[in-house]
PDB file of N, CA and C in Angstrom:
ATOM      1  N   MET A   1    -122.701-223.371 -73.995  1.00  0.00           N
ATOM      2  CA  MET A   1    -122.667-221.993 -73.592  1.00  0.00           C
ATOM      3  C   MET A   1    -123.977-221.326 -73.991  1.00  0.00           C
ATOM      4  N   THR A   2    -124.600-220.714 -73.043  1.00  0.00           N
ATOM      5  CA  THR A   2    -125.844-220.011 -73.335  1.00  0.00           C
ATOM      6  C   THR A   2    -125.601-218.513 -73.267  1.00  0.00           C
ATOM      7  N   ILE A   3    -126.225-217.833 -74.158  1.00  0.00           N
ATOM      8  CA  ILE A   3    -126.123-216.376 -74.197  1.00  0.00           C
ATOM      9  C   ILE A   3    -127.511-215.827 -73.915  1.00  0.00           C
ATOM     10  N   ARG A   4    -127.602-214.948 -72.939  1.00  0.00           N
ATOM     11  CA  ARG A   4    -128.892-214.351 -72.612  1.00  0.00           C
ATOM     12  C   ARG A   4    -128.807-212.853 -72.835  1.00  0.00           C
ATOM     13  N   ALA A   5    -129.924-212.317 -73.231  1.00  0.00           N
ATOM     14  CA  ALA A   5    -129.993-210.870 -73.390  1.00  0.00           C
ATOM     15  C   ALA A   5    -130.057-210.223 -72.020  1.00  0.00           C
ATOM     16  N   LEU A   6    -129.451-209.079 -71.890  1.00  0.00           N
ATOM     17  CA  LEU A   6    -129.429-208.391 -70.598  1.00  0.00           C
ATOM     18  C   LEU A   6    -130.836-208.025 -70.140  1.00  0.00           C
ATOM     19  N   THR A   7    -131.696-207.678 -71.066  1.00  0.00           N
ATOM     20  CA  THR A   7    -133.039-207.251 -70.692  1.00  0.00           C
ATOM     21  C   THR A   7    -134.012-208.397 -70.505  1.00  0.00           C
ATOM     22  N   ALA A   8    -133.647-209.611 -70.888  1.00  0.00           N
ATOM     23  CA  ALA A   8    -134.593-210.713 -70.826  1.00  0.00           C
ATOM     24  C   ALA A   8    -134.952-211.079 -69.394  1.00  0.00           C
ATOM     25  N   ARG A   9    -133.979-211.173 -68.518  1.00  0.00           N
ATOM     26  CA  ARG A   9    -134.250-211.608 -67.151  1.00  0.00           C
ATOM     27  C   ARG A   9    -133.953-210.555 -66.102  1.00  0.00           C
ATOM     28  N   ARG A  10    -133.196-209.600 -66.427  1.00  0.00           N
ATOM     29  CA  ARG A  10    -132.780-208.581 -65.473  1.00  0.00           C
ATOM     30  C   ARG A  10    -133.065-207.185 -66.012  1.00  0.00           C
ATOM     31  N   PRO A  11    -134.320-206.773 -66.040  1.00  0.00           N
ATOM     32  CA  PRO A  11    -134.600-205.435 -66.584  1.00  0.00           C
ATOM     33  C   PRO A  11    -134.027-204.311 -65.729  1.00  0.00           C
ATOM     34  N   LEU A  12    -133.885-204.533 -64.417  1.00  0.00           N
ATOM     35  CA  LEU A  12    -133.318-203.489 -63.563  1.00  0.00           C
ATOM     36  C   LEU A  12    -131.861-203.213 -63.917  1.00  0.00           C
ATOM     37  N   GLU A  13    -131.131-204.255 -64.286  1.00  0.00           N
ATOM     38  CA  GLU A  13    -129.747-204.059 -64.721  1.00  0.00           C
ATOM     39  C   GLU A  13    -129.688-203.199 -65.981  1.00  0.00           C
ATOM     40  N   ALA A  14    -130.584-203.477 -66.911  1.00  0.00           N
ATOM     41  CA  ALA A  14    -130.599-202.719 -68.174  1.00  0.00           C
ATOM     42  C   ALA A  14    -130.971-201.266 -67.926  1.00  0.00           C
ATOM     43  N   ILE A  15    -131.982-201.047 -67.076  1.00  0.00           N
ATOM     44  CA  ILE A  15    -132.396-199.674 -66.782  1.00  0.00           C
ATOM     45  C   ILE A  15    -131.259-198.909 -66.111  1.00  0.00           C
ATOM     46  N   THR A  16    -130.601-199.547 -65.149  1.00  0.00           N
ATOM     47  CA  THR A  16    -129.503-198.904 -64.431  1.00  0.00           C
ATOM     48  C   THR A  16    -128.340-198.605 -65.376  1.00  0.00           C
ATOM     49  N   LEU A  17    -127.994-199.567 -66.195  1.00  0.00           N
ATOM     50  CA  LEU A  17    -126.873-199.395 -67.125  1.00  0.00           C
ATOM     51  C   LEU A  17    -127.156-198.291 -68.139  1.00  0.00           C
ATOM     52  N   HIS A  18    -128.330-198.327 -68.739  1.00  0.00           N
ATOM     53  CA  HIS A  18    -128.623-197.353 -69.779  1.00  0.00           C
ATOM     54  C   HIS A  18    -128.856-195.946 -69.224  1.00  0.00           C
ATOM     55  N   SER A  19    -129.465-195.845 -68.063  1.00  0.00           N
ATOM     56  CA  SER A  19    -129.643-194.506 -67.492  1.00  0.00           C
ATOM     57  C   SER A  19    -128.301-193.935 -67.043  1.00  0.00           C
ATOM     58  N   GLY A  20    -127.413-194.779 -66.545  1.00  0.00           N
ATOM     59  CA  GLY A  20    -126.078-194.306 -66.174  1.00  0.00           C
ATOM     60  C   GLY A  20    -125.280-193.848 -67.383  1.00  0.00           C
ATOM     61  N   ALA A  21    -125.379-194.598 -68.468  1.00  0.00           N
ATOM     62  CA  ALA A  21    -124.668-194.205 -69.693  1.00  0.00           C
ATOM     63  C   ALA A  21    -125.254-192.918 -70.266  1.00  0.00           C
ATOM     64  N   GLY A  22    -126.574-192.805 -70.236  1.00  0.00           N
ATOM     65  CA  GLY A  22    -127.210-191.580 -70.727  1.00  0.00           C
ATOM     66  C   GLY A  22    -126.862-190.376 -69.874  1.00  0.00           C
ATOM     67  N   ALA A  23    -126.830-190.580 -68.552  1.00  0.00           N
ATOM     68  CA  ALA A  23    -126.463-189.482 -67.655  1.00  0.00           C
ATOM     69  C   ALA A  23    -125.022-189.038 -67.894  1.00  0.00           C
ATOM     70  N   ALA A  24    -124.132-189.996 -68.068  1.00  0.00           N
ATOM     71  CA  ALA A  24    -122.729-189.645 -68.320  1.00  0.00           C
ATOM     72  C   ALA A  24    -122.593-188.851 -69.618  1.00  0.00           C
ATOM     73  N   ALA A  25    -123.319-189.270 -70.651  1.00  0.00           N
ATOM     74  CA  ALA A  25    -123.256-188.552 -71.923  1.00  0.00           C
ATOM     75  C   ALA A  25    -123.820-187.135 -71.786  1.00  0.00           C
ATOM     76  N   LEU A  26    -124.919-187.000 -71.052  1.00  0.00           N
ATOM     77  CA  LEU A  26    -125.498-185.663 -70.875  1.00  0.00           C
ATOM     78  C   LEU A  26    -124.599-184.763 -70.029  1.00  0.00           C
ATOM     79  N   TRP A  27    -123.991-185.315 -68.977  1.00  0.00           N
ATOM     80  CA  TRP A  27    -123.089-184.490 -68.166  1.00  0.00           C
ATOM     81  C   TRP A  27    -121.877-184.053 -68.975  1.00  0.00           C
ATOM     82  N   LEU A  28    -121.383-184.925 -69.854  1.00  0.00           N
ATOM     83  CA  LEU A  28    -120.279-184.511 -70.731  1.00  0.00           C
ATOM     84  C   LEU A  28    -120.725-183.408 -71.691  1.00  0.00           C
ATOM     85  N   ALA A  29    -121.960-183.504 -72.173  1.00  0.00           N
ATOM     86  CA  ALA A  29    -122.478-182.450 -73.046  1.00  0.00           C
ATOM     87  C   ALA A  29    -122.626-181.131 -72.291  1.00  0.00           C
ATOM     88  N   VAL A  30    -123.057-181.209 -71.028  1.00  0.00           N
ATOM     89  CA  VAL A  30    -123.163-179.997 -70.207  1.00  0.00           C
ATOM     90  C   VAL A  30    -121.788-179.367 -70.028  1.00  0.00           C
ATOM     91  N   LEU A  31    -120.803-180.187 -69.696  1.00  0.00           N
ATOM     92  CA  LEU A  31    -119.446-179.652 -69.522  1.00  0.00           C
ATOM     93  C   LEU A  31    -118.914-179.056 -70.818  1.00  0.00           C
ATOM     94  N   TRP A  32    -119.148-179.735 -71.920  1.00  0.00           N
ATOM     95  CA  TRP A  32    -118.665-179.236 -73.209  1.00  0.00           C
ATOM     96  C   TRP A  32    -119.323-177.904 -73.559  1.00  0.00           C
ATOM     97  N   GLN A  33    -120.614-177.800 -73.300  1.00  0.00           N
ATOM     98  CA  GLN A  33    -121.351-176.591 -73.636  1.00  0.00           C
ATOM     99  C   GLN A  33    -121.003-175.433 -72.703  1.00  0.00           C
ATOM    100  N   GLU A  34    -120.800-175.710 -71.451  1.00  0.00           N
ATOM    101  CA  GLU A  34    -120.605-174.664 -70.450  1.00  0.00           C
ATOM    102  C   GLU A  34    -119.143-174.409 -70.089  1.00  0.00           C
ATOM    103  N   LEU A  35    -118.221-175.121 -70.674  1.00  0.00           N
ATOM    104  CA  LEU A  35    -116.806-174.976 -70.333  1.00  0.00           C
ATOM    105  C   LEU A  35    -116.276-173.558 -70.526  1.00  0.00           C
ATOM    106  N   PRO A  36    -116.642-172.839 -71.587  1.00  0.00           N
ATOM    107  CA  PRO A  36    -116.136-171.466 -71.721  1.00  0.00           C
ATOM    108  C   PRO A  36    -116.582-170.536 -70.589  1.00  0.00           C
ATOM    109  N   ARG A  37    -117.734-170.806 -69.986  1.00  0.00           N
ATOM    110  CA  ARG A  37    -118.225-169.959 -68.895  1.00  0.00           C
ATOM    111  C   ARG A  37    -117.595-170.288 -67.551  1.00  0.00           C
ATOM    112  N   LEU A  38    -116.941-171.409 -67.464  1.00  0.00           N
ATOM    113  CA  LEU A  38    -116.388-171.872 -66.188  1.00  0.00           C
ATOM    114  C   LEU A  38    -115.385-170.884 -65.607  1.00  0.00           C
ATOM    115  N   ALA A  39    -114.635-170.208 -66.451  1.00  0.00           N
ATOM    116  CA  ALA A  39    -113.628-169.267 -65.976  1.00  0.00           C
ATOM    117  C   ALA A  39    -114.242-167.983 -65.423  1.00  0.00           C
ATOM    118  N   TYR A  40    -115.512-167.705 -65.799  1.00  0.00           N
ATOM    119  CA  TYR A  40    -116.116-166.431 -65.425  1.00  0.00           C
ATOM    120  C   TYR A  40    -117.194-166.519 -64.361  1.00  0.00           C
ATOM    121  N   GLY A  41    -117.494-167.700 -63.887  1.00  0.00           N
ATOM    122  CA  GLY A  41    -118.544-167.817 -62.875  1.00  0.00           C
ATOM    123  C   GLY A  41    -119.034-169.237 -62.730  1.00  0.00           C
ATOM    124  N   PRO A  42    -120.286-169.384 -62.324  1.00  0.00           N
ATOM    125  CA  PRO A  42    -120.831-170.727 -62.146  1.00  0.00           C
ATOM    126  C   PRO A  42    -120.860-171.507 -63.461  1.00  0.00           C
ATOM    127  N   LEU A  43    -120.800-172.779 -63.333  1.00  0.00           N
ATOM    128  CA  LEU A  43    -120.753-173.641 -64.516  1.00  0.00           C
ATOM    129  C   LEU A  43    -122.017-173.505 -65.354  1.00  0.00           C
ATOM    130  N   CYS A  44    -123.148-173.479 -64.698  1.00  0.00           N
ATOM    131  CA  CYS A  44    -124.414-173.482 -65.415  1.00  0.00           C
ATOM    132  C   CYS A  44    -125.283-172.357 -64.865  1.00  0.00           C
ATOM    133  N   SER A  45    -125.413-171.296 -65.614  1.00  0.00           N
ATOM    134  CA  SER A  45    -126.170-170.158 -65.098  1.00  0.00           C
ATOM    135  C   SER A  45    -126.953-169.466 -66.200  1.00  0.00           C
ATOM    136  N   GLU A  46    -127.868-170.190 -66.819  1.00  0.00           N
ATOM    137  CA  GLU A  46    -128.701-169.591 -67.849  1.00  0.00           C
ATOM    138  C   GLU A  46    -129.986-169.091 -67.228  1.00  0.00           C
ATOM    139  N   ALA A  47    -130.368-167.897 -67.553  1.00  0.00           N
ATOM    140  CA  ALA A  47    -131.575-167.310 -66.970  1.00  0.00           C
ATOM    141  C   ALA A  47    -132.840-167.949 -67.531  1.00  0.00           C
ATOM    142  N   GLN A  48    -132.799-168.460 -68.755  1.00  0.00           N
ATOM    143  CA  GLN A  48    -133.994-169.022 -69.362  1.00  0.00           C
ATOM    144  C   GLN A  48    -134.242-170.467 -68.961  1.00  0.00           C
ATOM    145  N   GLY A  49    -133.272-171.139 -68.419  1.00  0.00           N
ATOM    146  CA  GLY A  49    -133.416-172.546 -68.097  1.00  0.00           C
ATOM    147  C   GLY A  49    -134.180-172.791 -66.817  1.00  0.00           C
ATOM    148  N   LEU A  50    -134.419-174.042 -66.535  1.00  0.00           N
ATOM    149  CA  LEU A  50    -135.132-174.464 -65.333  1.00  0.00           C
ATOM    150  C   LEU A  50    -134.248-174.249 -64.112  1.00  0.00           C
ATOM    151  N   PHE A  51    -134.722-173.445 -63.169  1.00  0.00           N
ATOM    152  CA  PHE A  51    -133.979-173.121 -61.941  1.00  0.00           C
ATOM    153  C   PHE A  51    -132.617-172.508 -62.233  1.00  0.00           C
ATOM    154  N   GLY A  52    -132.489-171.806 -63.352  1.00  0.00           N
ATOM    155  CA  GLY A  52    -131.235-171.152 -63.698  1.00  0.00           C
ATOM    156  C   GLY A  52    -130.186-172.090 -64.263  1.00  0.00           C
ATOM    157  N   HIS A  53    -130.611-173.226 -64.768  1.00  0.00           N
ATOM    158  CA  HIS A  53    -129.677-174.197 -65.357  1.00  0.00           C
ATOM    159  C   HIS A  53    -129.951-174.354 -66.844  1.00  0.00           C
ATOM    160  N   CYS A  54    -129.008-174.928 -67.541  1.00  0.00           N
ATOM    161  CA  CYS A  54    -129.175-175.155 -68.976  1.00  0.00           C
ATOM    162  C   CYS A  54    -130.173-176.292 -69.205  1.00  0.00           C
ATOM    163  N   PRO A  55    -130.691-176.430 -70.412  1.00  0.00           N
ATOM    164  CA  PRO A  55    -131.696-177.455 -70.688  1.00  0.00           C
ATOM    165  C   PRO A  55    -131.199-178.890 -70.525  1.00  0.00           C
ATOM    166  N   LEU A  56    -129.909-179.106 -70.526  1.00  0.00           N
ATOM    167  CA  LEU A  56    -129.382-180.468 -70.387  1.00  0.00           C
ATOM    168  C   LEU A  56    -129.262-180.925 -68.932  1.00  0.00           C
ATOM    169  N   CYS A  57    -129.291-179.987 -67.991  1.00  0.00           N
ATOM    170  CA  CYS A  57    -129.079-180.349 -66.590  1.00  0.00           C
ATOM    171  C   CYS A  57    -130.217-181.185 -66.000  1.00  0.00           C
ATOM    172  N   ALA A  58    -131.460-180.835 -66.307  1.00  0.00           N
ATOM    173  CA  ALA A  58    -132.595-181.553 -65.728  1.00  0.00           C
ATOM    174  C   ALA A  58    -132.624-183.024 -66.155  1.00  0.00           C
ATOM    175  N   PRO A  59    -132.532-183.350 -67.448  1.00  0.00           N
ATOM    176  CA  PRO A  59    -132.528-184.772 -67.797  1.00  0.00           C
ATOM    177  C   PRO A  59    -131.297-185.502 -67.284  1.00  0.00           C
ATOM    178  N   ALA A  60    -130.155-184.831 -67.242  1.00  0.00           N
ATOM    179  CA  ALA A  60    -128.951-185.473 -66.717  1.00  0.00           C
ATOM    180  C   ALA A  60    -129.116-185.791 -65.234  1.00  0.00           C
ATOM    181  N   ALA A  61    -129.708-184.880 -64.476  1.00  0.00           N
ATOM    182  CA  ALA A  61    -129.928-185.118 -63.053  1.00  0.00           C
ATOM    183  C   ALA A  61    -130.929-186.239 -62.825  1.00  0.00           C
ATOM    184  N   VAL A  62    -131.996-186.274 -63.617  1.00  0.00           N
ATOM    185  CA  VAL A  62    -133.001-187.331 -63.466  1.00  0.00           C
ATOM    186  C   VAL A  62    -132.400-188.690 -63.800  1.00  0.00           C
ATOM    187  N   LEU A  63    -131.651-188.779 -64.883  1.00  0.00           N
ATOM    188  CA  LEU A  63    -131.021-190.058 -65.237  1.00  0.00           C
ATOM    189  C   LEU A  63    -129.996-190.484 -64.203  1.00  0.00           C
ATOM    190  N   THR A  64    -129.298-189.530 -63.606  1.00  0.00           N
ATOM    191  CA  THR A  64    -128.352-189.858 -62.547  1.00  0.00           C
ATOM    192  C   THR A  64    -129.066-190.438 -61.342  1.00  0.00           C
ATOM    193  N   LEU A  65    -130.184-189.836 -60.957  1.00  0.00           N
ATOM    194  CA  LEU A  65    -130.958-190.357 -59.831  1.00  0.00           C
ATOM    195  C   LEU A  65    -131.507-191.750 -60.126  1.00  0.00           C
ATOM    196  N   ILE A  66    -131.998-191.971 -61.328  1.00  0.00           N
ATOM    197  CA  ILE A  66    -132.499-193.299 -61.699  1.00  0.00           C
ATOM    198  C   ILE A  66    -131.374-194.329 -61.645  1.00  0.00           C
ATOM    199  N   SER A  67    -130.208-193.953 -62.120  1.00  0.00           N
ATOM    200  CA  SER A  67    -129.068-194.870 -62.111  1.00  0.00           C
ATOM    201  C   SER A  67    -128.628-195.209 -60.683  1.00  0.00           C
ATOM    202  N   PHE A  68    -128.560-194.194 -59.813  1.00  0.00           N
ATOM    203  CA  PHE A  68    -128.182-194.457 -58.424  1.00  0.00           C
ATOM    204  C   PHE A  68    -129.221-195.311 -57.713  1.00  0.00           C
ATOM    205  N   ALA A  69    -130.496-195.027 -57.941  1.00  0.00           N
ATOM    206  CA  ALA A  69    -131.554-195.818 -57.309  1.00  0.00           C
ATOM    207  C   ALA A  69    -131.519-197.261 -57.796  1.00  0.00           C
ATOM    208  N   GLY A  70    -131.298-197.453 -59.089  1.00  0.00           N
ATOM    209  CA  GLY A  70    -131.182-198.810 -59.620  1.00  0.00           C
ATOM    210  C   GLY A  70    -129.977-199.541 -59.066  1.00  0.00           C
ATOM    211  N   GLY A  71    -128.866-198.836 -58.910  1.00  0.00           N
ATOM    212  CA  GLY A  71    -127.676-199.459 -58.318  1.00  0.00           C
ATOM    213  C   GLY A  71    -127.893-199.877 -56.879  1.00  0.00           C
ATOM    214  N   ILE A  72    -128.596-199.047 -56.130  1.00  0.00           N
ATOM    215  CA  ILE A  72    -128.888-199.393 -54.736  1.00  0.00           C
ATOM    216  C   ILE A  72    -129.792-200.619 -54.683  1.00  0.00           C
ATOM    217  N   GLN A  73    -130.809-200.656 -55.547  1.00  0.00           N
ATOM    218  CA  GLN A  73    -131.702-201.816 -55.575  1.00  0.00           C
ATOM    219  C   GLN A  73    -130.955-203.084 -55.970  1.00  0.00           C
ATOM    220  N   LEU A  74    -130.044-202.992 -56.933  1.00  0.00           N
ATOM    221  CA  LEU A  74    -129.261-204.156 -57.338  1.00  0.00           C
ATOM    222  C   LEU A  74    -128.360-204.646 -56.211  1.00  0.00           C
ATOM    223  N   MET A  75    -127.778-203.718 -55.452  1.00  0.00           N
ATOM    224  CA  MET A  75    -126.940-204.127 -54.320  1.00  0.00           C
ATOM    225  C   MET A  75    -127.782-204.806 -53.245  1.00  0.00           C
ATOM    226  N   ARG A  76    -128.985-204.326 -53.009  1.00  0.00           N
ATOM    227  CA  ARG A  76    -129.883-204.966 -52.035  1.00  0.00           C
ATOM    228  C   ARG A  76    -130.255-206.365 -52.483  1.00  0.00           C
ATOM    229  N   GLN A  77    -130.551-206.536 -53.765  1.00  0.00           N
ATOM    230  CA  GLN A  77    -130.891-207.854 -54.277  1.00  0.00           C
ATOM    231  C   GLN A  77    -129.713-208.804 -54.171  1.00  0.00           C
ATOM    232  N   GLN A  78    -128.517-208.296 -54.397  1.00  0.00           N
ATOM    233  CA  GLN A  78    -127.327-209.135 -54.336  1.00  0.00           C
ATOM    234  C   GLN A  78    -127.044-209.578 -52.908  1.00  0.00           C
ATOM    235  N   ARG A  79    -127.301-208.734 -51.938  1.00  0.00           N
ATOM    236  CA  ARG A  79    -127.090-209.101 -50.537  1.00  0.00           C
ATOM    237  C   ARG A  79    -128.059-210.180 -50.083  1.00  0.00           C
ATOM    238  N   ARG A  80    -129.304-210.106 -50.586  1.00  0.00           N
ATOM    239  CA  ARG A  80    -130.318-211.088 -50.199  1.00  0.00           C
ATOM    240  C   ARG A  80    -130.022-212.472 -50.752  1.00  0.00           C
ATOM    241  N   GLY A  81    -129.347-212.499 -51.854  1.00  0.00           N
ATOM    242  CA  GLY A  81    -128.981-213.796 -52.396  1.00  0.00           C
ATOM    243  C   GLY A  81    -129.638-214.077 -53.625  1.00  0.00           C
TER     244      GLY A  81
END
């Protein structure tokens, strides 16, 4: 039985996995932080943040995009064989 590190041969898998986990953690932090405001209006509406969002939204969105792009690339590689 051989054991290989996930990052040794498949760095795209590691990037996709870790960015997805990081995005999920950040989105949970956004929900936890903004949950009291949910009853009174938009979920994320800070005037000081980027584009009217809280500071956690931008990195969460970027990590989500990286995770989706990595997943699409992995599916393409799997189809090719």
